[in-house]
Amino acid sequence: MKKGSKPFNPNDFFTTQTVKDIVPNFEELYTLNFKEISLNEELTKRNYEIISKEYKDFMSASLADYYEFEVDEIV
């Protein structure tokens, strides 16, 4: 090991993303009514999924009400 280097920690690369973090990349989502359309289905089309257990489809029409839910990128 080189002097001054620290051991590899995989947790250094883990970041939590929320709906609020990713929606600026998908501005068309702001125009949809999520009382009629599943946000999770729309995000799946964009290679993301909501992983928060509290999430339920059709909870609110407003995208802002979903901002705090965690998402994961589909690889």
PDB file of N, CA and C in Angstrom:
ATOM      1  N   MET A   1       0.839  -1.170   0.000  1.00  0.00           N
ATOM      2  CA  MET A   1       0.000   0.000   0.000  1.00  0.00           C
ATOM      3  C   MET A   1       0.890   1.241   0.000  1.00  0.00           C
ATOM      4  N   LYS A   2       0.493   2.209  -0.820  1.00  0.00           N
ATOM      5  CA  LYS A   2       1.255   3.450  -0.886  1.00  0.00           C
ATOM      6  C   LYS A   2       1.018   4.285   0.359  1.00  0.00           C
ATOM      7  N   LYS A   3       2.044   5.034   0.713  1.00  0.00           N
ATOM      8  CA  LYS A   3       1.941   5.907   1.875  1.00  0.00           C
ATOM      9  C   LYS A   3       0.873   6.965   1.609  1.00  0.00           C
ATOM     10  N   GLY A   4      -0.027   7.166   2.561  1.00  0.00           N
ATOM     11  CA  GLY A   4      -1.052   8.188   2.453  1.00  0.00           C
ATOM     12  C   GLY A   4      -2.338   7.726   1.792  1.00  0.00           C
ATOM     13  N   SER A   5      -2.345   6.529   1.231  1.00  0.00           N
ATOM     14  CA  SER A   5      -3.589   6.065   0.627  1.00  0.00           C
ATOM     15  C   SER A   5      -4.410   5.336   1.677  1.00  0.00           C
ATOM     16  N   LYS A   6      -5.723   5.370   1.500  1.00  0.00           N
ATOM     17  CA  LYS A   6      -6.584   4.682   2.462  1.00  0.00           C
ATOM     18  C   LYS A   6      -7.178   3.453   1.806  1.00  0.00           C
ATOM     19  N   PRO A   7      -7.600   2.484   2.582  1.00  0.00           N
ATOM     20  CA  PRO A   7      -8.171   1.262   2.007  1.00  0.00           C
ATOM     21  C   PRO A   7      -9.463   1.561   1.246  1.00  0.00           C
ATOM     22  N   PHE A   8      -9.759   0.738   0.264  1.00  0.00           N
ATOM     23  CA  PHE A   8     -10.968   0.872  -0.533  1.00  0.00           C
ATOM     24  C   PHE A   8     -12.198   0.658   0.342  1.00  0.00           C
ATOM     25  N   ASN A   9     -13.150   1.559   0.236  1.00  0.00           N
ATOM     26  CA  ASN A   9     -14.403   1.452   0.966  1.00  0.00           C
ATOM     27  C   ASN A   9     -15.539   1.576  -0.053  1.00  0.00           C
ATOM     28  N   PRO A  10     -16.271   0.499  -0.334  1.00  0.00           N
ATOM     29  CA  PRO A  10     -17.335   0.568  -1.333  1.00  0.00           C
ATOM     30  C   PRO A  10     -18.442   1.544  -0.966  1.00  0.00           C
ATOM     31  N   ASN A  11     -18.616   1.826   0.311  1.00  0.00           N
ATOM     32  CA  ASN A  11     -19.648   2.774   0.737  1.00  0.00           C
ATOM     33  C   ASN A  11     -19.336   4.204   0.316  1.00  0.00           C
ATOM     34  N   ASP A  12     -18.080   4.480  -0.034  1.00  0.00           N
ATOM     35  CA  ASP A  12     -17.721   5.811  -0.509  1.00  0.00           C
ATOM     36  C   ASP A  12     -18.388   6.122  -1.845  1.00  0.00           C
ATOM     37  N   PHE A  13     -18.860   5.099  -2.540  1.00  0.00           N
ATOM     38  CA  PHE A  13     -19.441   5.286  -3.863  1.00  0.00           C
ATOM     39  C   PHE A  13     -20.963   5.205  -3.855  1.00  0.00           C
ATOM     40  N   PHE A  14     -21.562   4.934  -2.721  1.00  0.00           N
ATOM     41  CA  PHE A  14     -23.009   4.829  -2.619  1.00  0.00           C
ATOM     42  C   PHE A  14     -23.612   6.219  -2.451  1.00  0.00           C
ATOM     43  N   THR A  15     -24.548   6.533  -3.291  1.00  0.00           N
ATOM     44  CA  THR A  15     -25.283   7.786  -3.160  1.00  0.00           C
ATOM     45  C   THR A  15     -26.767   7.481  -3.226  1.00  0.00           C
ATOM     46  N   THR A  16     -27.526   8.232  -2.488  1.00  0.00           N
ATOM     47  CA  THR A  16     -28.971   8.081  -2.504  1.00  0.00           C
ATOM     48  C   THR A  16     -29.547   9.127  -3.434  1.00  0.00           C
ATOM     49  N   GLN A  17     -30.369   8.682  -4.373  1.00  0.00           N
ATOM     50  CA  GLN A  17     -31.043   9.605  -5.270  1.00  0.00           C
ATOM     51  C   GLN A  17     -32.527   9.586  -4.955  1.00  0.00           C
ATOM     52  N   THR A  18     -33.145  10.742  -5.080  1.00  0.00           N
ATOM     53  CA  THR A  18     -34.582  10.850  -4.884  1.00  0.00           C
ATOM     54  C   THR A  18     -35.227  11.266  -6.195  1.00  0.00           C
ATOM     55  N   VAL A  19     -36.536  11.195  -6.205  1.00  0.00           N
ATOM     56  CA  VAL A  19     -37.282  11.646  -7.381  1.00  0.00           C
ATOM     57  C   VAL A  19     -36.900  13.093  -7.697  1.00  0.00           C
ATOM     58  N   LYS A  20     -36.777  13.900  -6.675  1.00  0.00           N
ATOM     59  CA  LYS A  20     -36.428  15.321  -6.870  1.00  0.00           C
ATOM     60  C   LYS A  20     -35.086  15.483  -7.586  1.00  0.00           C
ATOM     61  N   ASP A  21     -34.155  14.585  -7.341  1.00  0.00           N
ATOM     62  CA  ASP A  21     -32.836  14.670  -7.963  1.00  0.00           C
ATOM     63  C   ASP A  21     -32.870  14.378  -9.459  1.00  0.00           C
ATOM     64  N   ILE A  22     -33.760  13.502  -9.889  1.00  0.00           N
ATOM     65  CA  ILE A  22     -33.720  13.067 -11.292  1.00  0.00           C
ATOM     66  C   ILE A  22     -34.738  13.740 -12.202  1.00  0.00           C
ATOM     67  N   VAL A  23     -35.833  14.282 -11.654  1.00  0.00           N
ATOM     68  CA  VAL A  23     -36.872  14.828 -12.533  1.00  0.00           C
ATOM     69  C   VAL A  23     -36.437  16.017 -13.378  1.00  0.00           C
ATOM     70  N   PRO A  24     -35.442  16.804 -12.988  1.00  0.00           N
ATOM     71  CA  PRO A  24     -35.018  17.864 -13.901  1.00  0.00           C
ATOM     72  C   PRO A  24     -34.523  17.321 -15.255  1.00  0.00           C
ATOM     73  N   ASN A  25     -34.118  16.069 -15.290  1.00  0.00           N
ATOM     74  CA  ASN A  25     -33.698  15.442 -16.547  1.00  0.00           C
ATOM     75  C   ASN A  25     -34.882  15.011 -17.404  1.00  0.00           C
ATOM     76  N   PHE A  26     -36.069  14.991 -16.820  1.00  0.00           N
ATOM     77  CA  PHE A  26     -37.269  14.513 -17.506  1.00  0.00           C
ATOM     78  C   PHE A  26     -38.402  15.515 -17.296  1.00  0.00           C
ATOM     79  N   GLU A  27     -38.256  16.695 -17.845  1.00  0.00           N
ATOM     80  CA  GLU A  27     -39.211  17.775 -17.602  1.00  0.00           C
ATOM     81  C   GLU A  27     -40.633  17.442 -18.026  1.00  0.00           C
ATOM     82  N   GLU A  28     -40.804  16.501 -18.958  1.00  0.00           N
ATOM     83  CA  GLU A  28     -42.145  16.134 -19.398  1.00  0.00           C
ATOM     84  C   GLU A  28     -42.963  15.519 -18.266  1.00  0.00           C
ATOM     85  N   LEU A  29     -42.301  15.031 -17.229  1.00  0.00           N
ATOM     86  CA  LEU A  29     -43.017  14.446 -16.088  1.00  0.00           C
ATOM     87  C   LEU A  29     -43.838  15.491 -15.338  1.00  0.00           C
ATOM     88  N   TYR A  30     -43.422  16.760 -15.408  1.00  0.00           N
ATOM     89  CA  TYR A  30     -44.138  17.818 -14.704  1.00  0.00           C
ATOM     90  C   TYR A  30     -45.547  18.020 -15.263  1.00  0.00           C
ATOM     91  N   THR A  31     -45.800  17.593 -16.477  1.00  0.00           N
ATOM     92  CA  THR A  31     -47.101  17.822 -17.117  1.00  0.00           C
ATOM     93  C   THR A  31     -48.088  16.677 -16.899  1.00  0.00           C
ATOM     94  N   LEU A  32     -47.650  15.592 -16.276  1.00  0.00           N
ATOM     95  CA  LEU A  32     -48.507  14.423 -16.113  1.00  0.00           C
ATOM     96  C   LEU A  32     -49.281  14.456 -14.797  1.00  0.00           C
ATOM     97  N   ASN A  33     -50.439  13.836 -14.805  1.00  0.00           N
ATOM     98  CA  ASN A  33     -51.279  13.726 -13.618  1.00  0.00           C
ATOM     99  C   ASN A  33     -51.069  12.338 -13.020  1.00  0.00           C
ATOM    100  N   PHE A  34     -50.429  12.282 -11.886  1.00  0.00           N
ATOM    101  CA  PHE A  34     -50.076  10.997 -11.290  1.00  0.00           C
ATOM    102  C   PHE A  34     -51.200  10.376 -10.464  1.00  0.00           C
ATOM    103  N   LYS A  35     -52.380  10.970 -10.499  1.00  0.00           N
ATOM    104  CA  LYS A  35     -53.586  10.299  -9.998  1.00  0.00           C
ATOM    105  C   LYS A  35     -54.109   9.338 -11.062  1.00  0.00           C
ATOM    106  N   GLU A  36     -53.686   9.572 -12.326  1.00  0.00           N
ATOM    107  CA  GLU A  36     -54.150   8.754 -13.453  1.00  0.00           C
ATOM    108  C   GLU A  36     -53.034   7.901 -14.060  1.00  0.00           C
ATOM    109  N   ILE A  37     -51.801   8.298 -13.848  1.00  0.00           N
ATOM    110  CA  ILE A  37     -50.639   7.635 -14.448  1.00  0.00           C
ATOM    111  C   ILE A  37     -49.688   7.227 -13.327  1.00  0.00           C
ATOM    112  N   SER A  38     -49.097   6.046 -13.451  1.00  0.00           N
ATOM    113  CA  SER A  38     -48.148   5.570 -12.448  1.00  0.00           C
ATOM    114  C   SER A  38     -46.791   6.247 -12.643  1.00  0.00           C
ATOM    115  N   LEU A  39     -46.340   6.946 -11.628  1.00  0.00           N
ATOM    116  CA  LEU A  39     -45.020   7.573 -11.687  1.00  0.00           C
ATOM    117  C   LEU A  39     -43.948   6.508 -11.846  1.00  0.00           C
ATOM    118  N   ASN A  40     -44.073   5.411 -11.126  1.00  0.00           N
ATOM    119  CA  ASN A  40     -43.056   4.369 -11.204  1.00  0.00           C
ATOM    120  C   ASN A  40     -42.963   3.792 -12.623  1.00  0.00           C
ATOM    121  N   GLU A  41     -44.087   3.618 -13.293  1.00  0.00           N
ATOM    122  CA  GLU A  41     -44.060   3.129 -14.677  1.00  0.00           C
ATOM    123  C   GLU A  41     -43.383   4.134 -15.600  1.00  0.00           C
ATOM    124  N   GLU A  42     -43.659   5.400 -15.377  1.00  0.00           N
ATOM    125  CA  GLU A  42     -43.024   6.446 -16.197  1.00  0.00           C
ATOM    126  C   GLU A  42     -41.513   6.476 -15.956  1.00  0.00           C
ATOM    127  N   LEU A  43     -41.096   6.297 -14.717  1.00  0.00           N
ATOM    128  CA  LEU A  43     -39.662   6.284 -14.421  1.00  0.00           C
ATOM    129  C   LEU A  43     -38.996   5.029 -14.971  1.00  0.00           C
ATOM    130  N   THR A  44     -39.705   3.909 -14.952  1.00  0.00           N
ATOM    131  CA  THR A  44     -39.152   2.666 -15.499  1.00  0.00           C
ATOM    132  C   THR A  44     -38.847   2.837 -16.982  1.00  0.00           C
ATOM    133  N   LYS A  45     -39.672   3.553 -17.697  1.00  0.00           N
ATOM    134  CA  LYS A  45     -39.419   3.842 -19.115  1.00  0.00           C
ATOM    135  C   LYS A  45     -38.122   4.634 -19.295  1.00  0.00           C
ATOM    136  N   ARG A  46     -37.709   5.304 -18.228  1.00  0.00           N
ATOM    137  CA  ARG A  46     -36.501   6.148 -18.258  1.00  0.00           C
ATOM    138  C   ARG A  46     -35.349   5.504 -17.482  1.00  0.00           C
ATOM    139  N   ASN A  47     -35.446   4.207 -17.220  1.00  0.00           N
ATOM    140  CA  ASN A  47     -34.421   3.398 -16.540  1.00  0.00           C
ATOM    141  C   ASN A  47     -34.213   3.738 -15.070  1.00  0.00           C
ATOM    142  N   TYR A  48     -35.287   4.083 -14.394  1.00  0.00           N
ATOM    143  CA  TYR A  48     -35.270   4.295 -12.943  1.00  0.00           C
ATOM    144  C   TYR A  48     -36.451   3.565 -12.340  1.00  0.00           C
ATOM    145  N   GLU A  49     -36.343   3.249 -11.047  1.00  0.00           N
ATOM    146  CA  GLU A  49     -37.476   2.702 -10.325  1.00  0.00           C
ATOM    147  C   GLU A  49     -37.487   3.264  -8.913  1.00  0.00           C
ATOM    148  N   ILE A  50     -38.676   3.428  -8.383  1.00  0.00           N
ATOM    149  CA  ILE A  50     -38.818   3.916  -7.013  1.00  0.00           C
ATOM    150  C   ILE A  50     -38.605   2.736  -6.074  1.00  0.00           C
ATOM    151  N   ILE A  51     -37.719   2.917  -5.107  1.00  0.00           N
ATOM    152  CA  ILE A  51     -37.402   1.822  -4.187  1.00  0.00           C
ATOM    153  C   ILE A  51     -37.928   2.063  -2.771  1.00  0.00           C
ATOM    154  N   SER A  52     -38.498   3.213  -2.527  1.00  0.00           N
ATOM    155  CA  SER A  52     -39.065   3.495  -1.203  1.00  0.00           C
ATOM    156  C   SER A  52     -40.300   2.642  -0.970  1.00  0.00           C
ATOM    157  N   LYS A  53     -40.352   2.001   0.184  1.00  0.00           N
ATOM    158  CA  LYS A  53     -41.486   1.131   0.521  1.00  0.00           C
ATOM    159  C   LYS A  53     -42.780   1.916   0.706  1.00  0.00           C
ATOM    160  N   GLU A  54     -42.667   3.182   1.044  1.00  0.00           N
ATOM    161  CA  GLU A  54     -43.843   4.010   1.303  1.00  0.00           C
ATOM    162  C   GLU A  54     -44.565   4.417   0.027  1.00  0.00           C
ATOM    163  N   TYR A  55     -43.924   4.263  -1.123  1.00  0.00           N
ATOM    164  CA  TYR A  55     -44.517   4.688  -2.388  1.00  0.00           C
ATOM    165  C   TYR A  55     -45.733   3.837  -2.745  1.00  0.00           C
ATOM    166  N   LYS A  56     -46.784   4.511  -3.212  1.00  0.00           N
ATOM    167  CA  LYS A  56     -47.973   3.853  -3.753  1.00  0.00           C
ATOM    168  C   LYS A  56     -48.368   4.603  -5.012  1.00  0.00           C
ATOM    169  N   ASP A  57     -48.765   3.866  -6.037  1.00  0.00           N
ATOM    170  CA  ASP A  57     -49.252   4.497  -7.255  1.00  0.00           C
ATOM    171  C   ASP A  57     -50.487   5.339  -6.971  1.00  0.00           C
ATOM    172  N   PHE A  58     -50.635   6.401  -7.738  1.00  0.00           N
ATOM    173  CA  PHE A  58     -51.835   7.245  -7.761  1.00  0.00           C
ATOM    174  C   PHE A  58     -52.123   7.958  -6.434  1.00  0.00           C
ATOM    175  N   MET A  59     -51.082   8.239  -5.641  1.00  0.00           N
ATOM    176  CA  MET A  59     -51.258   8.912  -4.356  1.00  0.00           C
ATOM    177  C   MET A  59     -51.638  10.374  -4.529  1.00  0.00           C
ATOM    178  N   SER A  60     -51.021  11.023  -5.511  1.00  0.00           N
ATOM    179  CA  SER A  60     -51.222  12.452  -5.684  1.00  0.00           C
ATOM    180  C   SER A  60     -51.057  12.806  -7.147  1.00  0.00           C
ATOM    181  N   ALA A  61     -51.725  13.848  -7.586  1.00  0.00           N
ATOM    182  CA  ALA A  61     -51.591  14.303  -8.965  1.00  0.00           C
ATOM    183  C   ALA A  61     -50.275  15.056  -9.172  1.00  0.00           C
ATOM    184  N   SER A  62     -49.762  15.666  -8.125  1.00  0.00           N
ATOM    185  CA  SER A  62     -48.582  16.526  -8.220  1.00  0.00           C
ATOM    186  C   SER A  62     -47.276  15.752  -8.083  1.00  0.00           C
ATOM    187  N   LEU A  63     -46.363  15.997  -8.993  1.00  0.00           N
ATOM    188  CA  LEU A  63     -45.046  15.367  -8.947  1.00  0.00           C
ATOM    189  C   LEU A  63     -44.282  15.753  -7.676  1.00  0.00           C
ATOM    190  N   ALA A  64     -44.456  16.971  -7.215  1.00  0.00           N
ATOM    191  CA  ALA A  64     -43.748  17.453  -6.032  1.00  0.00           C
ATOM    192  C   ALA A  64     -44.046  16.603  -4.795  1.00  0.00           C
ATOM    193  N   ASP A  65     -45.197  15.982  -4.746  1.00  0.00           N
ATOM    194  CA  ASP A  65     -45.559  15.149  -3.598  1.00  0.00           C
ATOM    195  C   ASP A  65     -44.750  13.850  -3.541  1.00  0.00           C
ATOM    196  N   TYR A  66     -44.048  13.543  -4.618  1.00  0.00           N
ATOM    197  CA  TYR A  66     -43.244  12.322  -4.694  1.00  0.00           C
ATOM    198  C   TYR A  66     -41.743  12.590  -4.545  1.00  0.00           C
ATOM    199  N   TYR A  67     -41.352  13.823  -4.385  1.00  0.00           N
ATOM    200  CA  TYR A  67     -39.936  14.213  -4.406  1.00  0.00           C
ATOM    201  C   TYR A  67     -39.043  13.423  -3.452  1.00  0.00           C
ATOM    202  N   GLU A  68     -39.514  13.083  -2.282  1.00  0.00           N
ATOM    203  CA  GLU A  68     -38.650  12.478  -1.261  1.00  0.00           C
ATOM    204  C   GLU A  68     -38.476  10.961  -1.405  1.00  0.00           C
ATOM    205  N   PHE A  69     -39.185  10.348  -2.333  1.00  0.00           N
ATOM    206  CA  PHE A  69     -39.032   8.908  -2.527  1.00  0.00           C
ATOM    207  C   PHE A  69     -37.694   8.595  -3.181  1.00  0.00           C
ATOM    208  N   GLU A  70     -37.041   7.545  -2.693  1.00  0.00           N
ATOM    209  CA  GLU A  70     -35.750   7.146  -3.236  1.00  0.00           C
ATOM    210  C   GLU A  70     -35.925   6.361  -4.534  1.00  0.00           C
ATOM    211  N   VAL A  71     -34.998   6.580  -5.448  1.00  0.00           N
ATOM    212  CA  VAL A  71     -35.011   5.867  -6.727  1.00  0.00           C
ATOM    213  C   VAL A  71     -33.668   5.199  -6.946  1.00  0.00           C
ATOM    214  N   ASP A  72     -33.690   4.212  -7.809  1.00  0.00           N
ATOM    215  CA  ASP A  72     -32.470   3.501  -8.178  1.00  0.00           C
ATOM    216  C   ASP A  72     -32.457   3.412  -9.691  1.00  0.00           C
ATOM    217  N   GLU A  73     -31.273   3.497 -10.262  1.00  0.00           N
ATOM    218  CA  GLU A  73     -31.147   3.387 -11.702  1.00  0.00           C
ATOM    219  C   GLU A  73     -31.195   1.917 -12.101  1.00  0.00           C
ATOM    220  N   ILE A  74     -31.931   1.629 -13.152  1.00  0.00           N
ATOM    221  CA  ILE A  74     -32.011   0.257 -13.670  1.00  0.00           C
ATOM    222  C   ILE A  74     -30.853   0.080 -14.636  1.00  0.00           C
ATOM    223  N   VAL A  75     -30.051  -0.911 -14.364  1.00  0.00           N
ATOM    224  CA  VAL A  75     -28.857  -1.145 -15.189  1.00  0.00           C
ATOM    225  C   VAL A  75     -29.123  -2.216 -16.211  1.00  0.00           C
TER     226      VAL A  75
END
